[in-house]
Amino acid sequence: MSVRNGQELENTRRKLHELEEAYGAAAQRPCDNGAVRQATLSSIRRLINQLKEEIVRYETRQPARG
């Protein structure tokens, strides 16, 4: 996955926000199986980190604004 333009950047930021909310909700939700909870949180965290990396990569490729 790679952010290629401003529209994709905005979509990626929206997805990032939604995943961060999902992570918070999953962390607060009661769960009988700790392994499932950790796997879920770990998976969401990986996706969050991936989106953050894509945003940073896109932003660093953009010309400096003056």
N, C-alpha and C. Protein backbone atom coordinates (compact mmCIF):
# COMPACT_ATOMS: atom_id res chain seq x y z
N MET A 1 0.84 -1.17 0.00
CA MET A 1 0.00 0.00 0.00
C MET A 1 0.88 1.24 0.00
N SER A 2 0.48 2.24 -0.76
CA SER A 2 1.25 3.46 -0.83
C SER A 2 0.31 4.63 -1.11
N VAL A 3 0.44 5.70 -0.34
CA VAL A 3 -0.37 6.89 -0.56
C VAL A 3 0.22 7.64 -1.74
N ARG A 4 -0.61 7.94 -2.74
CA ARG A 4 -0.10 8.55 -3.97
C ARG A 4 -0.54 9.99 -4.20
N ASN A 5 -1.60 10.43 -3.50
CA ASN A 5 -2.07 11.79 -3.73
C ASN A 5 -2.82 12.30 -2.50
N GLY A 6 -3.24 13.55 -2.58
CA GLY A 6 -3.91 14.19 -1.45
C GLY A 6 -5.19 13.49 -1.03
N GLN A 7 -5.96 13.01 -2.01
CA GLN A 7 -7.21 12.31 -1.68
C GLN A 7 -6.92 11.02 -0.92
N GLU A 8 -5.94 10.26 -1.36
CA GLU A 8 -5.57 9.04 -0.64
C GLU A 8 -5.02 9.37 0.75
N LEU A 9 -4.32 10.49 0.86
CA LEU A 9 -3.81 10.92 2.17
C LEU A 9 -4.97 11.16 3.13
N GLU A 10 -5.98 11.88 2.67
CA GLU A 10 -7.14 12.14 3.53
C GLU A 10 -7.87 10.86 3.90
N ASN A 11 -8.01 9.95 2.94
CA ASN A 11 -8.66 8.66 3.23
C ASN A 11 -7.84 7.86 4.24
N THR A 12 -6.53 7.89 4.10
CA THR A 12 -5.66 7.16 5.02
C THR A 12 -5.76 7.75 6.42
N ARG A 13 -5.79 9.07 6.51
CA ARG A 13 -5.95 9.71 7.83
C ARG A 13 -7.29 9.35 8.46
N ARG A 14 -8.34 9.28 7.66
CA ARG A 14 -9.66 8.90 8.17
C ARG A 14 -9.63 7.45 8.69
N LYS A 15 -9.03 6.57 7.91
CA LYS A 15 -8.92 5.17 8.32
C LYS A 15 -8.09 5.05 9.60
N LEU A 16 -7.02 5.83 9.69
CA LEU A 16 -6.18 5.81 10.88
C LEU A 16 -7.00 6.21 12.10
N HIS A 17 -7.77 7.26 11.97
CA HIS A 17 -8.61 7.72 13.08
C HIS A 17 -9.61 6.63 13.49
N GLU A 18 -10.23 5.99 12.51
CA GLU A 18 -11.19 4.93 12.81
C GLU A 18 -10.52 3.75 13.51
N LEU A 19 -9.31 3.39 13.07
CA LEU A 19 -8.60 2.28 13.70
C LEU A 19 -8.19 2.64 15.13
N GLU A 20 -7.79 3.88 15.36
CA GLU A 20 -7.42 4.29 16.71
C GLU A 20 -8.63 4.24 17.63
N GLU A 21 -9.80 4.60 17.12
CA GLU A 21 -11.02 4.47 17.91
C GLU A 21 -11.35 3.00 18.17
N ALA A 22 -11.18 2.17 17.16
CA ALA A 22 -11.45 0.73 17.31
C ALA A 22 -10.50 0.12 18.34
N TYR A 23 -9.25 0.55 18.32
CA TYR A 23 -8.28 0.04 19.28
C TYR A 23 -8.71 0.40 20.71
N GLY A 24 -9.09 1.66 20.89
CA GLY A 24 -9.53 2.09 22.21
C GLY A 24 -10.75 1.33 22.69
N ALA A 25 -11.70 1.10 21.80
CA ALA A 25 -12.90 0.36 22.16
C ALA A 25 -12.57 -1.09 22.48
N ALA A 26 -11.71 -1.70 21.69
CA ALA A 26 -11.33 -3.10 21.93
C ALA A 26 -10.57 -3.24 23.24
N ALA A 27 -9.76 -2.25 23.56
CA ALA A 27 -8.99 -2.31 24.81
C ALA A 27 -9.90 -2.20 26.03
N GLN A 28 -11.01 -1.49 25.89
CA GLN A 28 -11.94 -1.30 27.00
C GLN A 28 -12.98 -2.41 27.13
N ARG A 29 -13.22 -3.12 26.04
CA ARG A 29 -14.25 -4.15 26.01
C ARG A 29 -13.83 -5.37 26.84
N PRO A 30 -14.73 -5.86 27.67
CA PRO A 30 -14.41 -7.09 28.43
C PRO A 30 -14.23 -8.27 27.49
N CYS A 31 -13.30 -9.14 27.84
CA CYS A 31 -13.03 -10.31 27.00
C CYS A 31 -12.65 -11.47 27.91
N ASP A 32 -13.24 -12.62 27.66
CA ASP A 32 -12.96 -13.80 28.46
C ASP A 32 -11.64 -14.47 28.08
N ASN A 33 -11.19 -14.25 26.85
CA ASN A 33 -9.99 -14.91 26.36
C ASN A 33 -8.88 -13.87 26.14
N GLY A 34 -7.92 -13.87 27.03
CA GLY A 34 -6.83 -12.91 26.97
C GLY A 34 -6.00 -13.02 25.71
N ALA A 35 -5.83 -14.24 25.21
CA ALA A 35 -5.03 -14.43 23.99
C ALA A 35 -5.73 -13.80 22.79
N VAL A 36 -7.03 -13.95 22.72
CA VAL A 36 -7.78 -13.35 21.62
C VAL A 36 -7.71 -11.83 21.71
N ARG A 37 -7.83 -11.31 22.92
CA ARG A 37 -7.75 -9.87 23.13
C ARG A 37 -6.40 -9.33 22.67
N GLN A 38 -5.33 -9.99 23.07
CA GLN A 38 -3.98 -9.54 22.70
C GLN A 38 -3.77 -9.64 21.20
N ALA A 39 -4.25 -10.70 20.58
CA ALA A 39 -4.11 -10.86 19.14
C ALA A 39 -4.87 -9.76 18.40
N THR A 40 -6.06 -9.44 18.87
CA THR A 40 -6.87 -8.39 18.26
C THR A 40 -6.18 -7.04 18.39
N LEU A 41 -5.73 -6.71 19.60
CA LEU A 41 -5.07 -5.43 19.82
C LEU A 41 -3.77 -5.33 19.03
N SER A 42 -3.05 -6.42 18.97
CA SER A 42 -1.80 -6.44 18.22
C SER A 42 -2.04 -6.21 16.73
N SER A 43 -3.08 -6.84 16.21
CA SER A 43 -3.41 -6.69 14.80
C SER A 43 -3.81 -5.26 14.48
N ILE A 44 -4.66 -4.69 15.30
CA ILE A 44 -5.09 -3.30 15.08
C ILE A 44 -3.89 -2.37 15.19
N ARG A 45 -3.02 -2.61 16.17
CA ARG A 45 -1.84 -1.76 16.36
C ARG A 45 -0.91 -1.83 15.14
N ARG A 46 -0.75 -3.02 14.56
CA ARG A 46 0.07 -3.16 13.34
C ARG A 46 -0.51 -2.32 12.20
N LEU A 47 -1.82 -2.38 12.03
CA LEU A 47 -2.46 -1.59 10.98
C LEU A 47 -2.30 -0.09 11.23
N ILE A 48 -2.44 0.33 12.48
CA ILE A 48 -2.25 1.73 12.84
C ILE A 48 -0.84 2.17 12.48
N ASN A 49 0.13 1.38 12.87
CA ASN A 49 1.52 1.72 12.57
C ASN A 49 1.79 1.77 11.08
N GLN A 50 1.21 0.85 10.33
CA GLN A 50 1.38 0.82 8.89
C GLN A 50 0.82 2.10 8.25
N LEU A 51 -0.36 2.51 8.68
CA LEU A 51 -0.95 3.72 8.12
C LEU A 51 -0.12 4.96 8.48
N LYS A 52 0.37 5.00 9.72
CA LYS A 52 1.22 6.13 10.12
C LYS A 52 2.48 6.19 9.27
N GLU A 53 3.07 5.05 9.00
CA GLU A 53 4.27 5.01 8.16
C GLU A 53 3.96 5.48 6.74
N GLU A 54 2.83 5.08 6.20
CA GLU A 54 2.46 5.50 4.85
C GLU A 54 2.25 7.01 4.80
N ILE A 55 1.63 7.58 5.81
CA ILE A 55 1.42 9.02 5.86
C ILE A 55 2.76 9.75 5.90
N VAL A 56 3.66 9.28 6.75
CA VAL A 56 4.98 9.91 6.85
C VAL A 56 5.74 9.79 5.54
N ARG A 57 5.71 8.64 4.91
CA ARG A 57 6.39 8.47 3.62
C ARG A 57 5.86 9.45 2.58
N TYR A 58 4.55 9.58 2.53
CA TYR A 58 3.96 10.50 1.56
C TYR A 58 4.38 11.94 1.87
N GLU A 59 4.29 12.32 3.13
CA GLU A 59 4.61 13.70 3.50
C GLU A 59 6.08 14.04 3.27
N THR A 60 6.97 13.08 3.44
CA THR A 60 8.39 13.36 3.22
C THR A 60 8.73 13.46 1.74
N ARG A 61 7.89 12.91 0.87
CA ARG A 61 8.12 13.01 -0.58
C ARG A 61 7.60 14.33 -1.15
N GLN A 62 6.80 15.05 -0.37
CA GLN A 62 6.23 16.30 -0.86
C GLN A 62 7.26 17.43 -0.77
N PRO A 63 7.23 18.37 -1.72
CA PRO A 63 8.16 19.50 -1.66
C PRO A 63 7.89 20.36 -0.43
N ALA A 64 8.94 20.97 0.09
CA ALA A 64 8.81 21.83 1.26
C ALA A 64 7.93 23.03 0.92
N ARG A 65 7.07 23.38 1.86
CA ARG A 65 6.20 24.54 1.65
C ARG A 65 6.87 25.77 2.20
N GLY A 66 6.86 26.84 1.45
CA GLY A 66 7.57 28.02 1.90
C GLY A 66 6.71 29.17 1.92
